[in-house]
Amino acid sequence: GSRTAPFRLGTQRRCTNSECGARQRPRIEPSVIMLVATDTHCLLGRKASWVPGRYSTLAGFVEFGESLEEAVQRETQEESGVSVD
């Protein structure tokens, strides 16, 4: 329940409680944000719960061992059903 403070040039945080001193590193989870487009159109997504007229670009997390390009292809297919190359 104690506060934390930057440590090691900001790459970690350390508990300020002298009895604890626990160190934490931020989770790094690569992700992609993409705009799938043709010359005249772009593919946007939306949640059913959003207000009418609200849209978003597609995005997702990169799986272990996956390239950024592979993540774009997979996430676009998963979120929209559209295949890209």
PDB file of N, CA and C in Angstrom:
ATOM      1  N   GLY A   1       0.783  -1.192   0.000  1.00  0.00           N
ATOM      2  CA  GLY A   1       0.000   0.000   0.000  1.00  0.00           C
ATOM      3  C   GLY A   1       0.831   1.264   0.000  1.00  0.00           C
ATOM      4  N   SER A   2       2.148   1.192  -0.174  1.00  0.00           N
ATOM      5  CA  SER A   2       2.982   2.402  -0.190  1.00  0.00           C
ATOM      6  C   SER A   2       3.113   2.953  -1.606  1.00  0.00           C
ATOM      7  N   ARG A   3       3.539   4.187  -1.680  1.00  0.00           N
ATOM      8  CA  ARG A   3       3.773   4.825  -2.972  1.00  0.00           C
ATOM      9  C   ARG A   3       5.015   4.223  -3.636  1.00  0.00           C
ATOM     10  N   THR A   4       5.114   4.430  -4.935  1.00  0.00           N
ATOM     11  CA  THR A   4       6.321   4.037  -5.648  1.00  0.00           C
ATOM     12  C   THR A   4       6.967   5.281  -6.234  1.00  0.00           C
ATOM     13  N   ALA A   5       8.246   5.171  -6.555  1.00  0.00           N
ATOM     14  CA  ALA A   5       8.994   6.286  -7.126  1.00  0.00           C
ATOM     15  C   ALA A   5       9.845   5.767  -8.279  1.00  0.00           C
ATOM     16  N   PRO A   6      10.129   6.643  -9.270  1.00  0.00           N
ATOM     17  CA  PRO A   6      10.981   6.218 -10.382  1.00  0.00           C
ATOM     18  C   PRO A   6      12.352   5.774  -9.876  1.00  0.00           C
ATOM     19  N   PHE A   7      12.910   4.798 -10.588  1.00  0.00           N
ATOM     20  CA  PHE A   7      14.187   4.205 -10.205  1.00  0.00           C
ATOM     21  C   PHE A   7      14.898   3.793 -11.480  1.00  0.00           C
ATOM     22  N   ARG A   8      16.213   3.785 -11.492  1.00  0.00           N
ATOM     23  CA  ARG A   8      17.030   3.398 -12.646  1.00  0.00           C
ATOM     24  C   ARG A   8      16.650   4.184 -13.895  1.00  0.00           C
ATOM     25  N   LEU A   9      16.757   5.500 -13.770  1.00  0.00           N
ATOM     26  CA  LEU A   9      16.475   6.421 -14.880  1.00  0.00           C
ATOM     27  C   LEU A   9      15.056   6.277 -15.415  1.00  0.00           C
ATOM     28  N   GLY A  10      14.122   5.893 -14.562  1.00  0.00           N
ATOM     29  CA  GLY A  10      12.722   5.799 -14.951  1.00  0.00           C
ATOM     30  C   GLY A  10      12.325   4.491 -15.599  1.00  0.00           C
ATOM     31  N   THR A  11      13.243   3.540 -15.724  1.00  0.00           N
ATOM     32  CA  THR A  11      12.901   2.256 -16.349  1.00  0.00           C
ATOM     33  C   THR A  11      12.200   1.315 -15.384  1.00  0.00           C
ATOM     34  N   GLN A  12      12.250   1.642 -14.093  1.00  0.00           N
ATOM     35  CA  GLN A  12      11.588   0.827 -13.072  1.00  0.00           C
ATOM     36  C   GLN A  12      10.948   1.753 -12.045  1.00  0.00           C
ATOM     37  N   ARG A  13      10.119   1.170 -11.183  1.00  0.00           N
ATOM     38  CA  ARG A  13       9.578   1.887 -10.033  1.00  0.00           C
ATOM     39  C   ARG A  13       9.946   1.094  -8.791  1.00  0.00           C
ATOM     40  N   ARG A  14      10.165   1.783  -7.690  1.00  0.00           N
ATOM     41  CA  ARG A  14      10.543   1.120  -6.445  1.00  0.00           C
ATOM     42  C   ARG A  14       9.625   1.608  -5.334  1.00  0.00           C
ATOM     43  N   CYS A  15       9.203   0.679  -4.493  1.00  0.00           N
ATOM     44  CA  CYS A  15       8.358   0.991  -3.343  1.00  0.00           C
ATOM     45  C   CYS A  15       9.124   1.916  -2.407  1.00  0.00           C
ATOM     46  N   THR A  16       8.464   2.979  -1.945  1.00  0.00           N
ATOM     47  CA  THR A  16       9.134   3.945  -1.071  1.00  0.00           C
ATOM     48  C   THR A  16       9.193   3.478   0.380  1.00  0.00           C
ATOM     49  N   ASN A  17       8.498   2.399   0.717  1.00  0.00           N
ATOM     50  CA  ASN A  17       8.553   1.838   2.061  1.00  0.00           C
ATOM     51  C   ASN A  17       9.916   1.163   2.234  1.00  0.00           C
ATOM     52  N   SER A  18      10.702   1.639   3.174  1.00  0.00           N
ATOM     53  CA  SER A  18      12.068   1.118   3.346  1.00  0.00           C
ATOM     54  C   SER A  18      12.088  -0.357   3.734  1.00  0.00           C
ATOM     55  N   GLU A  19      11.030  -0.857   4.321  1.00  0.00           N
ATOM     56  CA  GLU A  19      10.959  -2.277   4.671  1.00  0.00           C
ATOM     57  C   GLU A  19      10.621  -3.152   3.468  1.00  0.00           C
ATOM     58  N   CYS A  20      10.103  -2.527   2.422  1.00  0.00           N
ATOM     59  CA  CYS A  20       9.688  -3.298   1.237  1.00  0.00           C
ATOM     60  C   CYS A  20      10.725  -3.158   0.118  1.00  0.00           C
ATOM     61  N   GLY A  21      10.788  -1.988  -0.487  1.00  0.00           N
ATOM     62  CA  GLY A  21      11.740  -1.729  -1.562  1.00  0.00           C
ATOM     63  C   GLY A  21      11.499  -2.524  -2.834  1.00  0.00           C
ATOM     64  N   ALA A  22      10.302  -3.117  -2.978  1.00  0.00           N
ATOM     65  CA  ALA A  22      10.010  -3.927  -4.172  1.00  0.00           C
ATOM     66  C   ALA A  22      10.182  -3.095  -5.440  1.00  0.00           C
ATOM     67  N   ARG A  23      10.710  -3.729  -6.473  1.00  0.00           N
ATOM     68  CA  ARG A  23      10.909  -3.074  -7.768  1.00  0.00           C
ATOM     69  C   ARG A  23       9.907  -3.628  -8.770  1.00  0.00           C
ATOM     70  N   GLN A  24       9.432  -2.762  -9.631  1.00  0.00           N
ATOM     71  CA  GLN A  24       8.503  -3.172 -10.680  1.00  0.00           C
ATOM     72  C   GLN A  24       8.972  -2.626 -12.007  1.00  0.00           C
ATOM     73  N   ARG A  25       8.840  -3.441 -13.026  1.00  0.00           N
ATOM     74  CA  ARG A  25       9.124  -3.008 -14.386  1.00  0.00           C
ATOM     75  C   ARG A  25       7.795  -2.936 -15.116  1.00  0.00           C
ATOM     76  N   PRO A  26       7.646  -1.974 -16.013  1.00  0.00           N
ATOM     77  CA  PRO A  26       6.376  -1.887 -16.744  1.00  0.00           C
ATOM     78  C   PRO A  26       6.222  -3.069 -17.693  1.00  0.00           C
ATOM     79  N   ARG A  27       4.980  -3.485 -17.882  1.00  0.00           N
ATOM     80  CA  ARG A  27       4.713  -4.535 -18.867  1.00  0.00           C
ATOM     81  C   ARG A  27       4.841  -3.917 -20.249  1.00  0.00           C
ATOM     82  N   ILE A  28       5.542  -4.604 -21.100  1.00  0.00           N
ATOM     83  CA  ILE A  28       5.706  -4.133 -22.475  1.00  0.00           C
ATOM     84  C   ILE A  28       4.972  -5.113 -23.366  1.00  0.00           C
ATOM     85  N   GLU A  29       3.914  -4.648 -23.992  1.00  0.00           N
ATOM     86  CA  GLU A  29       3.113  -5.498 -24.855  1.00  0.00           C
ATOM     87  C   GLU A  29       2.983  -4.825 -26.217  1.00  0.00           C
ATOM     88  N   PRO A  30       3.767  -5.277 -27.186  1.00  0.00           N
ATOM     89  CA  PRO A  30       3.712  -4.667 -28.518  1.00  0.00           C
ATOM     90  C   PRO A  30       2.305  -4.737 -29.098  1.00  0.00           C
ATOM     91  N   SER A  31       1.944  -3.677 -29.786  1.00  0.00           N
ATOM     92  CA  SER A  31       0.626  -3.642 -30.411  1.00  0.00           C
ATOM     93  C   SER A  31       0.706  -2.909 -31.742  1.00  0.00           C
ATOM     94  N   VAL A  32      -0.352  -3.048 -32.511  1.00  0.00           N
ATOM     95  CA  VAL A  32      -0.439  -2.377 -33.801  1.00  0.00           C
ATOM     96  C   VAL A  32      -1.730  -1.570 -33.854  1.00  0.00           C
ATOM     97  N   ILE A  33      -1.659  -0.430 -34.494  1.00  0.00           N
ATOM     98  CA  ILE A  33      -2.830   0.379 -34.820  1.00  0.00           C
ATOM     99  C   ILE A  33      -2.736   0.607 -36.312  1.00  0.00           C
ATOM    100  N   MET A  34      -3.796   0.249 -37.034  1.00  0.00           N
ATOM    101  CA  MET A  34      -3.679   0.314 -38.480  1.00  0.00           C
ATOM    102  C   MET A  34      -4.900   0.965 -39.112  1.00  0.00           C
ATOM    103  N   LEU A  35      -4.654   1.594 -40.235  1.00  0.00           N
ATOM    104  CA  LEU A  35      -5.726   2.127 -41.063  1.00  0.00           C
ATOM    105  C   LEU A  35      -5.668   1.369 -42.376  1.00  0.00           C
ATOM    106  N   VAL A  36      -6.622   0.475 -42.556  1.00  0.00           N
ATOM    107  CA  VAL A  36      -6.708  -0.316 -43.783  1.00  0.00           C
ATOM    108  C   VAL A  36      -7.419   0.551 -44.815  1.00  0.00           C
ATOM    109  N   ALA A  37      -6.765   0.800 -45.952  1.00  0.00           N
ATOM    110  CA  ALA A  37      -7.318   1.741 -46.918  1.00  0.00           C
ATOM    111  C   ALA A  37      -7.076   1.317 -48.356  1.00  0.00           C
ATOM    112  N   THR A  38      -7.953   1.800 -49.224  1.00  0.00           N
ATOM    113  CA  THR A  38      -7.757   1.729 -50.671  1.00  0.00           C
ATOM    114  C   THR A  38      -7.529   3.161 -51.139  1.00  0.00           C
ATOM    115  N   ASP A  39      -7.564   3.376 -52.424  1.00  0.00           N
ATOM    116  CA  ASP A  39      -7.389   4.744 -52.933  1.00  0.00           C
ATOM    117  C   ASP A  39      -8.538   5.663 -52.518  1.00  0.00           C
ATOM    118  N   THR A  40      -9.721   5.098 -52.303  1.00  0.00           N
ATOM    119  CA  THR A  40     -10.900   5.933 -52.060  1.00  0.00           C
ATOM    120  C   THR A  40     -11.649   5.638 -50.763  1.00  0.00           C
ATOM    121  N   HIS A  41     -11.310   4.561 -50.079  1.00  0.00           N
ATOM    122  CA  HIS A  41     -12.041   4.180 -48.877  1.00  0.00           C
ATOM    123  C   HIS A  41     -11.084   3.738 -47.771  1.00  0.00           C
ATOM    124  N   CYS A  42     -11.552   3.819 -46.538  1.00  0.00           N
ATOM    125  CA  CYS A  42     -10.796   3.237 -45.425  1.00  0.00           C
ATOM    126  C   CYS A  42     -11.756   2.408 -44.571  1.00  0.00           C
ATOM    127  N   LEU A  43     -11.204   1.390 -43.936  1.00  0.00           N
ATOM    128  CA  LEU A  43     -11.975   0.471 -43.109  1.00  0.00           C
ATOM    129  C   LEU A  43     -11.895   0.927 -41.662  1.00  0.00           C
ATOM    130  N   LEU A  44     -13.053   1.223 -41.073  1.00  0.00           N
ATOM    131  CA  LEU A  44     -13.126   1.620 -39.682  1.00  0.00           C
ATOM    132  C   LEU A  44     -13.988   0.620 -38.932  1.00  0.00           C
ATOM    133  N   GLY A  45     -13.758   0.496 -37.657  1.00  0.00           N
ATOM    134  CA  GLY A  45     -14.551  -0.408 -36.834  1.00  0.00           C
ATOM    135  C   GLY A  45     -15.394   0.382 -35.857  1.00  0.00           C
ATOM    136  N   ARG A  46     -16.354  -0.319 -35.240  1.00  0.00           N
ATOM    137  CA  ARG A  46     -17.161   0.312 -34.201  1.00  0.00           C
ATOM    138  C   ARG A  46     -17.759  -0.760 -33.322  1.00  0.00           C
ATOM    139  N   LYS A  47     -17.997  -0.414 -32.072  1.00  0.00           N
ATOM    140  CA  LYS A  47     -18.681  -1.303 -31.137  1.00  0.00           C
ATOM    141  C   LYS A  47     -20.170  -1.025 -31.223  1.00  0.00           C
ATOM    142  N   ALA A  48     -20.957  -2.058 -31.059  1.00  0.00           N
ATOM    143  CA  ALA A  48     -22.408  -1.898 -31.107  1.00  0.00           C
ATOM    144  C   ALA A  48     -22.900  -0.937 -30.025  1.00  0.00           C
ATOM    145  N   SER A  49     -22.177  -0.852 -28.914  1.00  0.00           N
ATOM    146  CA  SER A  49     -22.611   0.001 -27.806  1.00  0.00           C
ATOM    147  C   SER A  49     -22.275   1.483 -28.002  1.00  0.00           C
ATOM    148  N   TRP A  50     -21.457   1.807 -29.015  1.00  0.00           N
ATOM    149  CA  TRP A  50     -21.086   3.199 -29.244  1.00  0.00           C
ATOM    150  C   TRP A  50     -22.253   3.984 -29.809  1.00  0.00           C
ATOM    151  N   VAL A  51     -22.216   5.295 -29.595  1.00  0.00           N
ATOM    152  CA  VAL A  51     -23.245   6.168 -30.157  1.00  0.00           C
ATOM    153  C   VAL A  51     -23.127   6.160 -31.675  1.00  0.00           C
ATOM    154  N   PRO A  52     -24.228   6.343 -32.381  1.00  0.00           N
ATOM    155  CA  PRO A  52     -24.169   6.384 -33.849  1.00  0.00           C
ATOM    156  C   PRO A  52     -23.155   7.428 -34.333  1.00  0.00           C
ATOM    157  N   GLY A  53     -22.416   7.069 -35.362  1.00  0.00           N
ATOM    158  CA  GLY A  53     -21.437   7.980 -35.950  1.00  0.00           C
ATOM    159  C   GLY A  53     -20.046   7.893 -35.346  1.00  0.00           C
ATOM    160  N   ARG A  54     -19.880   7.098 -34.293  1.00  0.00           N
ATOM    161  CA  ARG A  54     -18.543   6.944 -33.691  1.00  0.00           C
ATOM    162  C   ARG A  54     -17.867   5.720 -34.287  1.00  0.00           C
ATOM    163  N   TYR A  55     -16.641   5.924 -34.812  1.00  0.00           N
ATOM    164  CA  TYR A  55     -15.871   4.859 -35.434  1.00  0.00           C
ATOM    165  C   TYR A  55     -14.429   4.924 -34.948  1.00  0.00           C
ATOM    166  N   SER A  56     -13.672   3.878 -35.222  1.00  0.00           N
ATOM    167  CA  SER A  56     -12.284   3.811 -34.780  1.00  0.00           C
ATOM    168  C   SER A  56     -11.452   3.046 -35.801  1.00  0.00           C
ATOM    169  N   THR A  57     -10.155   3.356 -35.817  1.00  0.00           N
ATOM    170  CA  THR A  57      -9.245   2.513 -36.586  1.00  0.00           C
ATOM    171  C   THR A  57      -9.158   1.168 -35.877  1.00  0.00           C
ATOM    172  N   LEU A  58      -8.611   0.174 -36.541  1.00  0.00           N
ATOM    173  CA  LEU A  58      -8.461  -1.153 -35.946  1.00  0.00           C
ATOM    174  C   LEU A  58      -7.139  -1.219 -35.195  1.00  0.00           C
ATOM    175  N   ALA A  59      -7.092  -2.055 -34.169  1.00  0.00           N
ATOM    176  CA  ALA A  59      -5.880  -2.194 -33.368  1.00  0.00           C
ATOM    177  C   ALA A  59      -5.874  -3.552 -32.683  1.00  0.00           C
ATOM    178  N   GLY A  60      -4.702  -3.982 -32.258  1.00  0.00           N
ATOM    179  CA  GLY A  60      -4.615  -5.238 -31.527  1.00  0.00           C
ATOM    180  C   GLY A  60      -3.200  -5.500 -31.053  1.00  0.00           C
ATOM    181  N   PHE A  61      -3.079  -6.529 -30.235  1.00  0.00           N
ATOM    182  CA  PHE A  61      -1.774  -6.905 -29.690  1.00  0.00           C
ATOM    183  C   PHE A  61      -1.037  -7.853 -30.627  1.00  0.00           C
ATOM    184  N   VAL A  62       0.291  -7.744 -30.626  1.00  0.00           N
ATOM    185  CA  VAL A  62       1.157  -8.611 -31.423  1.00  0.00           C
ATOM    186  C   VAL A  62       1.401  -9.881 -30.614  1.00  0.00           C
ATOM    187  N   GLU A  63       1.150 -11.034 -31.226  1.00  0.00           N
ATOM    188  CA  GLU A  63       1.392 -12.316 -30.559  1.00  0.00           C
ATOM    189  C   GLU A  63       2.889 -12.612 -30.537  1.00  0.00           C
ATOM    190  N   PHE A  64       3.319 -13.416 -29.579  1.00  0.00           N
ATOM    191  CA  PHE A  64       4.721 -13.788 -29.463  1.00  0.00           C
ATOM    192  C   PHE A  64       5.195 -14.451 -30.758  1.00  0.00           C
ATOM    193  N   GLY A  65       6.315 -13.984 -31.314  1.00  0.00           N
ATOM    194  CA  GLY A  65       6.884 -14.558 -32.529  1.00  0.00           C
ATOM    195  C   GLY A  65       6.244 -14.059 -33.808  1.00  0.00           C
ATOM    196  N   GLU A  66       5.305 -13.152 -33.713  1.00  0.00           N
ATOM    197  CA  GLU A  66       4.575 -12.653 -34.878  1.00  0.00           C
ATOM    198  C   GLU A  66       5.196 -11.333 -35.334  1.00  0.00           C
ATOM    199  N   SER A  67       5.288 -11.127 -36.644  1.00  0.00           N
ATOM    200  CA  SER A  67       5.781  -9.843 -37.152  1.00  0.00           C
ATOM    201  C   SER A  67       4.649  -8.816 -37.067  1.00  0.00           C
ATOM    202  N   LEU A  68       5.006  -7.547 -37.191  1.00  0.00           N
ATOM    203  CA  LEU A  68       3.979  -6.499 -37.185  1.00  0.00           C
ATOM    204  C   LEU A  68       3.021  -6.669 -38.353  1.00  0.00           C
ATOM    205  N   GLU A  69       3.564  -7.041 -39.509  1.00  0.00           N
ATOM    206  CA  GLU A  69       2.722  -7.252 -40.693  1.00  0.00           C
ATOM    207  C   GLU A  69       1.749  -8.405 -40.484  1.00  0.00           C
ATOM    208  N   GLU A  70       2.217  -9.473 -39.868  1.00  0.00           N
ATOM    209  CA  GLU A  70       1.342 -10.610 -39.578  1.00  0.00           C
ATOM    210  C   GLU A  70       0.250 -10.224 -38.581  1.00  0.00           C
ATOM    211  N   ALA A  71       0.611  -9.400 -37.607  1.00  0.00           N
ATOM    212  CA  ALA A  71      -0.369  -8.937 -36.624  1.00  0.00           C
ATOM    213  C   ALA A  71      -1.448  -8.097 -37.300  1.00  0.00           C
ATOM    214  N   VAL A  72      -1.052  -7.241 -38.232  1.00  0.00           N
ATOM    215  CA  VAL A  72      -2.034  -6.429 -38.964  1.00  0.00           C
ATOM    216  C   VAL A  72      -2.992  -7.335 -39.730  1.00  0.00           C
ATOM    217  N   GLN A  73      -2.465  -8.320 -40.428  1.00  0.00           N
ATOM    218  CA  GLN A  73      -3.319  -9.239 -41.188  1.00  0.00           C
ATOM    219  C   GLN A  73      -4.277  -9.993 -40.272  1.00  0.00           C
ATOM    220  N   ARG A  74      -3.755 -10.538 -39.182  1.00  0.00           N
ATOM    221  CA  ARG A  74      -4.580 -11.326 -38.269  1.00  0.00           C
ATOM    222  C   ARG A  74      -5.641 -10.478 -37.578  1.00  0.00           C
ATOM    223  N   GLU A  75      -5.231  -9.335 -37.041  1.00  0.00           N
ATOM    224  CA  GLU A  75      -6.174  -8.482 -36.325  1.00  0.00           C
ATOM    225  C   GLU A  75      -7.257  -7.919 -37.250  1.00  0.00           C
ATOM    226  N   THR A  76      -6.890  -7.563 -38.468  1.00  0.00           N
ATOM    227  CA  THR A  76      -7.891  -7.069 -39.417  1.00  0.00           C
ATOM    228  C   THR A  76      -8.918  -8.160 -39.705  1.00  0.00           C
ATOM    229  N   GLN A  77      -8.452  -9.380 -39.914  1.00  0.00           N
ATOM    230  CA  GLN A  77      -9.354 -10.510 -40.169  1.00  0.00           C
ATOM    231  C   GLN A  77     -10.232 -10.767 -38.946  1.00  0.00           C
ATOM    232  N   GLU A  78      -9.640 -10.796 -37.777  1.00  0.00           N
ATOM    233  CA  GLU A  78     -10.397 -11.088 -36.552  1.00  0.00           C
ATOM    234  C   GLU A  78     -11.447 -10.005 -36.244  1.00  0.00           C
ATOM    235  N   GLU A  79     -11.090  -8.739 -36.419  1.00  0.00           N
ATOM    236  CA  GLU A  79     -11.980  -7.663 -36.025  1.00  0.00           C
ATOM    237  C   GLU A  79     -13.008  -7.289 -37.088  1.00  0.00           C
ATOM    238  N   SER A  80     -12.685  -7.553 -38.365  1.00  0.00           N
ATOM    239  CA  SER A  80     -13.603  -7.097 -39.408  1.00  0.00           C
ATOM    240  C   SER A  80     -14.031  -8.171 -40.389  1.00  0.00           C
ATOM    241  N   GLY A  81     -13.295  -9.286 -40.415  1.00  0.00           N
ATOM    242  CA  GLY A  81     -13.594 -10.326 -41.401  1.00  0.00           C
ATOM    243  C   GLY A  81     -12.995 -10.027 -42.763  1.00  0.00           C
ATOM    244  N   VAL A  82     -12.216  -8.972 -42.872  1.00  0.00           N
ATOM    245  CA  VAL A  82     -11.599  -8.576 -44.138  1.00  0.00           C
ATOM    246  C   VAL A  82     -10.172  -9.106 -44.184  1.00  0.00           C
ATOM    247  N   SER A  83      -9.789  -9.722 -45.312  1.00  0.00           N
ATOM    248  CA  SER A  83      -8.422 -10.216 -45.505  1.00  0.00           C
ATOM    249  C   SER A  83      -7.597  -9.132 -46.190  1.00  0.00           C
ATOM    250  N   VAL A  84      -6.394  -8.917 -45.688  1.00  0.00           N
ATOM    251  CA  VAL A  84      -5.478  -7.947 -46.311  1.00  0.00           C
ATOM    252  C   VAL A  84      -4.175  -8.653 -46.651  1.00  0.00           C
ATOM    253  N   ASP A  85      -3.430  -8.096 -47.602  1.00  0.00           N
ATOM    254  CA  ASP A  85      -2.117  -8.644 -47.943  1.00  0.00           C
ATOM    255  C   ASP A  85      -1.080  -7.553 -47.968  1.00  0.00           C
TER     256      ASP A  85
END
